[in-house]
Amino acid sequence: MTRRALIACAALVASASLLTASGCASSSGTDPARAQLASEDAAAQIARLQAEDARRLREALALGEQGDKAFAKQRYAEAVQHYTQAVSTYDEFFALWNNLGTALTRLDRYQQAEEAYIRATNINPSDPRPIYNRGLLYRNRGYPSDAKMYFERALEQDPRYLDALWGSIKADITLGSESRQTLERIRTALFLVSDEQHRQYLELERERIASKLGLSEAGSRSRNEPGTSENAPE
């Protein structure tokens, strides 16, 4: 592909509202995470492709944009149609698969949604959103242990991913398996959460869990301070 063609590709992508999502990651961890990629990322992928593959990716992104618009209007069946056409046109762009999964989830088509999330993760294993979304599927179907496993896998990719932190914390509470790790994740979440109601919930849970584990609040905090020994006396 010539330099002029690459520049044209980048301009085309930058001018489109690619894969716009339904907002930032939810602070309560209850909604599927939509993939939001900067236009330059898509342009970079186009630049690496041969001309025919680049053409197919541009077509898929345009279909994905139509899916995003339908999703934003809560026309989820229509969104599924557009995303399905998109991945049929070009099947190596993870965000299209992830967002297909979110639309399928809205239609309670859980098995197909999970298959889409698996495909997204296979394409981009480092992105936590499809992994978190699989956890959300299992939690909503009443399998908190399986959900916790996927939330923790998402946190392995991004320890500060707020939705996965919420999912992991709530899974521990549901299972009655609260631990010092739960307290550490609450502490991390408190640095990220701005909503006062959510902060109050986390503070109350931190106090309850510390009491359940026989830890004083002061002791629980001191073990998390930098430079403090893990073996410090309680």
C-alpha atoms as a PDB file:
ATOM      1  CA  MET A   1       0.000   0.000   0.000  1.00  0.00           C
ATOM      2  CA  THR A   2       1.385   3.442  -0.922  1.00  0.00           C
ATOM      3  CA  ARG A   3       2.041   6.182   1.622  1.00  0.00           C
ATOM      4  CA  ARG A   4      -0.765   8.242   0.068  1.00  0.00           C
ATOM      5  CA  ALA A   5      -3.172   5.328   0.468  1.00  0.00           C
ATOM      6  CA  LEU A   6      -2.163   4.840   4.092  1.00  0.00           C
ATOM      7  CA  ILE A   7      -2.778   8.503   4.843  1.00  0.00           C
ATOM      8  CA  ALA A   8      -6.177   8.245   3.194  1.00  0.00           C
ATOM      9  CA  CYS A   9      -6.995   5.190   5.307  1.00  0.00           C
ATOM     10  CA  ALA A  10      -6.025   6.977   8.491  1.00  0.00           C
ATOM     11  CA  ALA A  11      -8.102  10.011   7.564  1.00  0.00           C
ATOM     12  CA  LEU A  12     -11.112   7.830   6.801  1.00  0.00           C
ATOM     13  CA  VAL A  13     -10.874   6.065  10.134  1.00  0.00           C
ATOM     14  CA  ALA A  14     -10.238   9.236  12.100  1.00  0.00           C
ATOM     15  CA  SER A  15     -13.297  10.859  10.601  1.00  0.00           C
ATOM     16  CA  ALA A  16     -15.608   8.066  11.736  1.00  0.00           C
ATOM     17  CA  SER A  17     -16.880   7.580  15.266  1.00  0.00           C
ATOM     18  CA  LEU A  18     -15.465   4.058  15.486  1.00  0.00           C
ATOM     19  CA  LEU A  19     -17.093   1.599  17.809  1.00  0.00           C
ATOM     20  CA  THR A  20     -18.469   4.257  20.118  1.00  0.00           C
ATOM     21  CA  ALA A  21     -19.610   2.711  23.360  1.00  0.00           C
ATOM     22  CA  SER A  22     -22.410   3.408  25.779  1.00  0.00           C
ATOM     23  CA  GLY A  23     -20.155   5.402  28.097  1.00  0.00           C
ATOM     24  CA  CYS A  24     -17.213   4.679  30.367  1.00  0.00           C
ATOM     25  CA  ALA A  25     -16.936   1.485  32.375  1.00  0.00           C
ATOM     26  CA  SER A  26     -19.783   1.316  34.839  1.00  0.00           C
ATOM     27  CA  SER A  27     -18.829   2.030  38.435  1.00  0.00           C
ATOM     28  CA  SER A  28     -21.145  -0.664  39.759  1.00  0.00           C
ATOM     29  CA  GLY A  29     -19.974  -3.468  37.483  1.00  0.00           C
ATOM     30  CA  THR A  30     -23.422  -4.455  36.206  1.00  0.00           C
ATOM     31  CA  ASP A  31     -23.229  -3.780  32.462  1.00  0.00           C
ATOM     32  CA  PRO A  32     -21.190  -5.432  29.702  1.00  0.00           C
ATOM     33  CA  ALA A  33     -18.063  -3.447  28.926  1.00  0.00           C
ATOM     34  CA  ARG A  34     -18.167  -1.919  25.462  1.00  0.00           C
ATOM     35  CA  ALA A  35     -14.916  -1.664  23.524  1.00  0.00           C
ATOM     36  CA  GLN A  36     -13.718   1.862  22.846  1.00  0.00           C
ATOM     37  CA  LEU A  37     -10.683   2.087  20.580  1.00  0.00           C
ATOM     38  CA  ALA A  38      -9.025   5.321  19.505  1.00  0.00           C
ATOM     39  CA  SER A  39      -9.231   5.907  15.771  1.00  0.00           C
ATOM     40  CA  GLU A  40      -5.442   5.911  15.438  1.00  0.00           C
ATOM     41  CA  ASP A  41      -5.382   2.301  16.697  1.00  0.00           C
ATOM     42  CA  ALA A  42      -7.682   1.225  13.895  1.00  0.00           C
ATOM     43  CA  ALA A  43      -5.649   3.280  11.418  1.00  0.00           C
ATOM     44  CA  ALA A  44      -2.477   1.567  12.604  1.00  0.00           C
ATOM     45  CA  GLN A  45      -4.002  -1.848  12.033  1.00  0.00           C
ATOM     46  CA  ILE A  46      -5.163  -0.817   8.563  1.00  0.00           C
ATOM     47  CA  ALA A  47      -1.642   0.383   7.774  1.00  0.00           C
ATOM     48  CA  ARG A  48      -0.236  -3.061   8.568  1.00  0.00           C
ATOM     49  CA  LEU A  49      -2.619  -4.849   6.199  1.00  0.00           C
ATOM     50  CA  GLN A  50      -2.474  -5.576   2.536  1.00  0.00           C
ATOM     51  CA  ALA A  51      -4.798  -3.505   0.375  1.00  0.00           C
ATOM     52  CA  GLU A  52      -7.622  -6.053   0.192  1.00  0.00           C
ATOM     53  CA  ASP A  53      -7.597  -6.776   3.940  1.00  0.00           C
ATOM     54  CA  ALA A  54      -7.491  -3.051   4.682  1.00  0.00           C
ATOM     55  CA  ARG A  55     -10.542  -2.545   2.482  1.00  0.00           C
ATOM     56  CA  ARG A  56     -12.436  -5.296   4.311  1.00  0.00           C
ATOM     57  CA  LEU A  57     -11.521  -3.853   7.711  1.00  0.00           C
ATOM     58  CA  ARG A  58     -12.763  -0.408   6.690  1.00  0.00           C
ATOM     59  CA  GLU A  59     -16.055  -1.945   5.583  1.00  0.00           C
ATOM     60  CA  ALA A  60     -16.316  -3.876   8.850  1.00  0.00           C
ATOM     61  CA  LEU A  61     -15.670  -0.723  10.892  1.00  0.00           C
ATOM     62  CA  ALA A  62     -18.412   1.112   9.007  1.00  0.00           C
ATOM     63  CA  LEU A  63     -20.816  -1.746   9.801  1.00  0.00           C
ATOM     64  CA  GLY A  64     -19.620  -1.675  13.413  1.00  0.00           C
ATOM     65  CA  GLU A  65     -20.431   2.012  13.577  1.00  0.00           C
ATOM     66  CA  GLN A  66     -23.982   1.237  12.461  1.00  0.00           C
ATOM     67  CA  GLY A  67     -24.133  -1.386  15.192  1.00  0.00           C
ATOM     68  CA  ASP A  68     -23.008   1.169  17.749  1.00  0.00           C
ATOM     69  CA  LYS A  69     -25.731   3.581  16.678  1.00  0.00           C
ATOM     70  CA  ALA A  70     -28.393   0.876  16.945  1.00  0.00           C
ATOM     71  CA  PHE A  71     -27.059  -0.197  20.345  1.00  0.00           C
ATOM     72  CA  ALA A  72     -27.187   3.383  21.622  1.00  0.00           C
ATOM     73  CA  LYS A  73     -30.883   3.481  20.641  1.00  0.00           C
ATOM     74  CA  GLN A  74     -31.444   0.135  22.413  1.00  0.00           C
ATOM     75  CA  ARG A  75     -32.226  -1.588  19.117  1.00  0.00           C
ATOM     76  CA  TYR A  76     -30.185  -4.610  20.096  1.00  0.00           C
ATOM     77  CA  ALA A  77     -31.445  -7.042  17.441  1.00  0.00           C
ATOM     78  CA  GLU A  78     -30.499  -4.530  14.767  1.00  0.00           C
ATOM     79  CA  ALA A  79     -27.113  -4.029  16.440  1.00  0.00           C
ATOM     80  CA  VAL A  80     -26.516  -7.787  16.330  1.00  0.00           C
ATOM     81  CA  GLN A  81     -27.251  -7.804  12.604  1.00  0.00           C
ATOM     82  CA  HIS A  82     -24.728  -5.035  11.921  1.00  0.00           C
ATOM     83  CA  TYR A  83     -22.026  -6.555  14.125  1.00  0.00           C
ATOM     84  CA  THR A  84     -22.566  -9.985  12.607  1.00  0.00           C
ATOM     85  CA  GLN A  85     -22.135  -8.512   9.145  1.00  0.00           C
ATOM     86  CA  ALA A  86     -19.038  -6.704  10.389  1.00  0.00           C
ATOM     87  CA  VAL A  87     -17.282  -9.805  11.720  1.00  0.00           C
ATOM     88  CA  SER A  88     -18.307 -11.707   8.591  1.00  0.00           C
ATOM     89  CA  THR A  89     -16.569  -9.021   6.563  1.00  0.00           C
ATOM     90  CA  TYR A  90     -13.423  -8.925   8.724  1.00  0.00           C
ATOM     91  CA  ASP A  91     -13.063 -11.273  11.670  1.00  0.00           C
ATOM     92  CA  GLU A  92      -9.764 -10.172  13.238  1.00  0.00           C
ATOM     93  CA  PHE A  93     -10.790  -6.943  14.991  1.00  0.00           C
ATOM     94  CA  PHE A  94     -11.481  -7.787  18.646  1.00  0.00           C
ATOM     95  CA  ALA A  95     -13.741  -4.802  19.404  1.00  0.00           C
ATOM     96  CA  LEU A  96     -16.310  -5.921  16.841  1.00  0.00           C
ATOM     97  CA  TRP A  97     -16.577  -9.334  18.511  1.00  0.00           C
ATOM     98  CA  ASN A  98     -16.748  -7.831  21.984  1.00  0.00           C
ATOM     99  CA  ASN A  99     -19.489  -5.416  21.036  1.00  0.00           C
ATOM    100  CA  LEU A 100     -21.373  -8.196  19.260  1.00  0.00           C
ATOM    101  CA  GLY A 101     -21.260 -10.040  22.584  1.00  0.00           C
ATOM    102  CA  THR A 102     -22.682  -7.055  24.448  1.00  0.00           C
ATOM    103  CA  ALA A 103     -25.624  -6.812  22.044  1.00  0.00           C
ATOM    104  CA  LEU A 104     -26.277 -10.553  22.271  1.00  0.00           C
ATOM    105  CA  THR A 105     -26.187 -10.260  26.060  1.00  0.00           C
ATOM    106  CA  ARG A 106     -28.931  -7.641  25.917  1.00  0.00           C
ATOM    107  CA  LEU A 107     -31.056 -10.161  24.024  1.00  0.00           C
ATOM    108  CA  ASP A 108     -30.336 -12.908  26.609  1.00  0.00           C
ATOM    109  CA  ARG A 109     -28.531 -14.952  23.955  1.00  0.00           C
ATOM    110  CA  TYR A 110     -25.901 -15.948  26.477  1.00  0.00           C
ATOM    111  CA  GLN A 111     -24.216 -18.873  24.751  1.00  0.00           C
ATOM    112  CA  GLN A 112     -23.677 -16.895  21.561  1.00  0.00           C
ATOM    113  CA  ALA A 113     -22.516 -13.908  23.595  1.00  0.00           C
ATOM    114  CA  GLU A 114     -19.902 -16.020  25.352  1.00  0.00           C
ATOM    115  CA  GLU A 115     -18.672 -17.374  22.020  1.00  0.00           C
ATOM    116  CA  ALA A 116     -18.227 -13.779  20.804  1.00  0.00           C
ATOM    117  CA  TYR A 117     -16.306 -12.837  23.963  1.00  0.00           C
ATOM    118  CA  ILE A 118     -14.050 -15.876  23.598  1.00  0.00           C
ATOM    119  CA  ARG A 119     -13.296 -14.855  20.015  1.00  0.00           C
ATOM    120  CA  ALA A 120     -12.490 -11.308  21.143  1.00  0.00           C
ATOM    121  CA  THR A 121     -10.116 -12.600  23.824  1.00  0.00           C
ATOM    122  CA  ASN A 122      -8.382 -14.938  21.379  1.00  0.00           C
ATOM    123  CA  ILE A 123      -7.684 -11.955  19.126  1.00  0.00           C
ATOM    124  CA  ASN A 124      -6.560  -9.621  21.926  1.00  0.00           C
ATOM    125  CA  PRO A 125      -5.763 -11.559  25.130  1.00  0.00           C
ATOM    126  CA  SER A 126      -4.489  -8.476  26.962  1.00  0.00           C
ATOM    127  CA  ASP A 127      -7.782  -6.572  26.919  1.00  0.00           C
ATOM    128  CA  PRO A 128      -9.787  -7.257  30.109  1.00  0.00           C
ATOM    129  CA  ARG A 129     -13.214  -6.280  28.801  1.00  0.00           C
ATOM    130  CA  PRO A 130     -14.263  -9.505  27.025  1.00  0.00           C
ATOM    131  CA  ILE A 131     -12.944 -11.502  29.998  1.00  0.00           C
ATOM    132  CA  TYR A 132     -14.935  -9.357  32.435  1.00  0.00           C
ATOM    133  CA  ASN A 133     -17.995  -9.727  30.211  1.00  0.00           C
ATOM    134  CA  ARG A 134     -17.770 -13.520  30.461  1.00  0.00           C
ATOM    135  CA  GLY A 135     -17.723 -13.183  34.243  1.00  0.00           C
ATOM    136  CA  LEU A 136     -20.795 -10.990  34.078  1.00  0.00           C
ATOM    137  CA  LEU A 137     -22.621 -13.636  32.048  1.00  0.00           C
ATOM    138  CA  TYR A 138     -21.945 -16.262  34.698  1.00  0.00           C
ATOM    139  CA  ARG A 139     -22.850 -13.944  37.571  1.00  0.00           C
ATOM    140  CA  ASN A 140     -26.150 -12.987  35.971  1.00  0.00           C
ATOM    141  CA  ARG A 141     -26.951 -16.667  35.433  1.00  0.00           C
ATOM    142  CA  GLY A 142     -26.312 -17.477  39.093  1.00  0.00           C
ATOM    143  CA  TYR A 143     -22.795 -18.937  39.011  1.00  0.00           C
ATOM    144  CA  PRO A 144     -20.745 -16.652  41.282  1.00  0.00           C
ATOM    145  CA  SER A 145     -17.740 -19.008  41.535  1.00  0.00           C
ATOM    146  CA  ASP A 146     -17.298 -19.095  37.757  1.00  0.00           C
ATOM    147  CA  ALA A 147     -17.922 -15.361  37.593  1.00  0.00           C
ATOM    148  CA  LYS A 148     -15.201 -14.719  40.174  1.00  0.00           C
ATOM    149  CA  MET A 149     -12.712 -16.727  38.119  1.00  0.00           C
ATOM    150  CA  TYR A 150     -13.230 -14.508  35.080  1.00  0.00           C
ATOM    151  CA  PHE A 151     -13.216 -11.277  37.082  1.00  0.00           C
ATOM    152  CA  GLU A 152      -9.856 -12.290  38.519  1.00  0.00           C
ATOM    153  CA  ARG A 153      -8.543 -13.158  35.064  1.00  0.00           C
ATOM    154  CA  ALA A 154      -9.562  -9.683  33.912  1.00  0.00           C
ATOM    155  CA  LEU A 155      -7.687  -8.188  36.868  1.00  0.00           C
ATOM    156  CA  GLU A 156      -4.582 -10.107  35.831  1.00  0.00           C
ATOM    157  CA  GLN A 157      -4.635  -8.030  32.648  1.00  0.00           C
ATOM    158  CA  ASP A 158      -5.445  -4.754  34.432  1.00  0.00           C
ATOM    159  CA  PRO A 159      -5.362  -4.707  38.256  1.00  0.00           C
ATOM    160  CA  ARG A 160      -7.085  -1.299  38.282  1.00  0.00           C
ATOM    161  CA  TYR A 161      -9.971  -2.229  36.001  1.00  0.00           C
ATOM    162  CA  LEU A 162     -12.856  -0.932  38.096  1.00  0.00           C
ATOM    163  CA  ASP A 163     -15.652  -3.139  36.761  1.00  0.00           C
ATOM    164  CA  ALA A 164     -13.626  -6.280  37.411  1.00  0.00           C
ATOM    165  CA  LEU A 165     -12.740  -5.010  40.889  1.00  0.00           C
ATOM    166  CA  TRP A 166     -16.442  -4.564  41.641  1.00  0.00           C
ATOM    167  CA  GLY A 167     -17.214  -7.980  40.212  1.00  0.00           C
ATOM    168  CA  SER A 168     -14.529  -9.681  42.269  1.00  0.00           C
ATOM    169  CA  ILE A 169     -15.511  -7.893  45.491  1.00  0.00           C
ATOM    170  CA  LYS A 170     -19.197  -8.706  45.061  1.00  0.00           C
ATOM    171  CA  ALA A 171     -18.424 -12.325  44.170  1.00  0.00           C
ATOM    172  CA  ASP A 172     -16.424 -12.715  47.384  1.00  0.00           C
ATOM    173  CA  ILE A 173     -19.303 -11.225  49.371  1.00  0.00           C
ATOM    174  CA  THR A 174     -21.877 -13.463  47.670  1.00  0.00           C
ATOM    175  CA  LEU A 175     -19.756 -16.565  48.284  1.00  0.00           C
ATOM    176  CA  GLY A 176     -18.846 -15.544  51.824  1.00  0.00           C
ATOM    177  CA  SER A 177     -15.180 -15.936  50.841  1.00  0.00           C
ATOM    178  CA  GLU A 178     -13.945 -12.485  51.856  1.00  0.00           C
ATOM    179  CA  SER A 179     -10.205 -12.304  52.477  1.00  0.00           C
ATOM    180  CA  ARG A 180      -7.363  -9.857  52.834  1.00  0.00           C
ATOM    181  CA  GLN A 181      -7.236  -9.819  49.049  1.00  0.00           C
ATOM    182  CA  THR A 182     -10.840  -8.591  49.080  1.00  0.00           C
ATOM    183  CA  LEU A 183      -9.784  -5.763  51.397  1.00  0.00           C
ATOM    184  CA  GLU A 184      -6.897  -4.870  49.089  1.00  0.00           C
ATOM    185  CA  ARG A 185      -9.242  -4.726  46.115  1.00  0.00           C
ATOM    186  CA  ILE A 186     -11.678  -2.539  48.045  1.00  0.00           C
ATOM    187  CA  ARG A 187      -8.781  -0.238  48.863  1.00  0.00           C
ATOM    188  CA  THR A 188      -7.836  -0.044  45.161  1.00  0.00           C
ATOM    189  CA  ALA A 189     -11.457   0.600  44.181  1.00  0.00           C
ATOM    190  CA  LEU A 190     -11.723   3.440  46.698  1.00  0.00           C
ATOM    191  CA  PHE A 191      -8.907   5.228  44.863  1.00  0.00           C
ATOM    192  CA  LEU A 192     -10.874   4.956  41.609  1.00  0.00           C
ATOM    193  CA  VAL A 193     -14.507   5.518  42.651  1.00  0.00           C
ATOM    194  CA  SER A 194     -15.841   9.073  42.743  1.00  0.00           C
ATOM    195  CA  ASP A 195     -19.534   8.376  43.394  1.00  0.00           C
ATOM    196  CA  GLU A 196     -20.169   9.011  47.088  1.00  0.00           C
ATOM    197  CA  GLN A 197     -22.822   6.307  47.438  1.00  0.00           C
ATOM    198  CA  HIS A 198     -20.456   3.691  46.024  1.00  0.00           C
ATOM    199  CA  ARG A 199     -17.672   4.920  48.278  1.00  0.00           C
ATOM    200  CA  GLN A 200     -19.894   4.585  51.346  1.00  0.00           C
ATOM    201  CA  TYR A 201     -20.793   1.045  50.343  1.00  0.00           C
ATOM    202  CA  LEU A 202     -17.132   0.112  49.953  1.00  0.00           C
ATOM    203  CA  GLU A 203     -16.205   1.717  53.284  1.00  0.00           C
ATOM    204  CA  LEU A 204     -18.938  -0.216  55.097  1.00  0.00           C
ATOM    205  CA  GLU A 205     -17.876  -3.461  53.465  1.00  0.00           C
ATOM    206  CA  ARG A 206     -14.256  -2.799  54.344  1.00  0.00           C
ATOM    207  CA  GLU A 207     -15.176  -2.369  58.003  1.00  0.00           C
ATOM    208  CA  ARG A 208     -17.415  -5.451  57.990  1.00  0.00           C
ATOM    209  CA  ILE A 209     -14.836  -7.674  56.292  1.00  0.00           C
ATOM    210  CA  ALA A 210     -12.023  -6.458  58.545  1.00  0.00           C
ATOM    211  CA  SER A 211     -14.179  -7.304  61.558  1.00  0.00           C
ATOM    212  CA  LYS A 212     -15.069 -10.703  60.091  1.00  0.00           C
ATOM    213  CA  LEU A 213     -11.380 -11.485  59.589  1.00  0.00           C
ATOM    214  CA  GLY A 214     -10.498 -10.277  63.059  1.00  0.00           C
ATOM    215  CA  LEU A 215      -8.493  -7.347  61.744  1.00  0.00           C
ATOM    216  CA  SER A 216      -8.592  -3.863  63.171  1.00  0.00           C
ATOM    217  CA  GLU A 217      -9.066  -1.100  60.631  1.00  0.00           C
ATOM    218  CA  ALA A 218      -5.719   0.389  61.666  1.00  0.00           C
ATOM    219  CA  GLY A 219      -4.025  -2.974  61.256  1.00  0.00           C
ATOM    220  CA  SER A 220      -5.701  -3.577  57.904  1.00  0.00           C
ATOM    221  CA  ARG A 221      -4.530  -0.189  56.609  1.00  0.00           C
ATOM    222  CA  SER A 222      -0.999  -0.502  57.958  1.00  0.00           C
ATOM    223  CA  ARG A 223      -0.420  -3.752  56.108  1.00  0.00           C
ATOM    224  CA  ASN A 224      -1.289  -1.982  52.881  1.00  0.00           C
ATOM    225  CA  GLU A 225       1.046   0.965  53.450  1.00  0.00           C
ATOM    226  CA  PRO A 226       4.241   0.987  51.334  1.00  0.00           C
ATOM    227  CA  GLY A 227       7.265  -0.226  53.225  1.00  0.00           C
ATOM    228  CA  THR A 228       5.240  -2.122  55.844  1.00  0.00           C
ATOM    229  CA  SER A 229       6.191  -5.741  56.467  1.00  0.00           C
ATOM    230  CA  GLU A 230       3.631  -8.386  55.590  1.00  0.00           C
ATOM    231  CA  ASN A 231       4.592 -10.085  58.861  1.00  0.00           C
ATOM    232  CA  ALA A 232       3.977  -7.071  61.082  1.00  0.00           C
ATOM    233  CA  PRO A 233       2.216  -8.007  64.337  1.00  0.00           C
ATOM    234  CA  GLU A 234      -1.527  -7.379  64.448  1.00  0.00           C
END
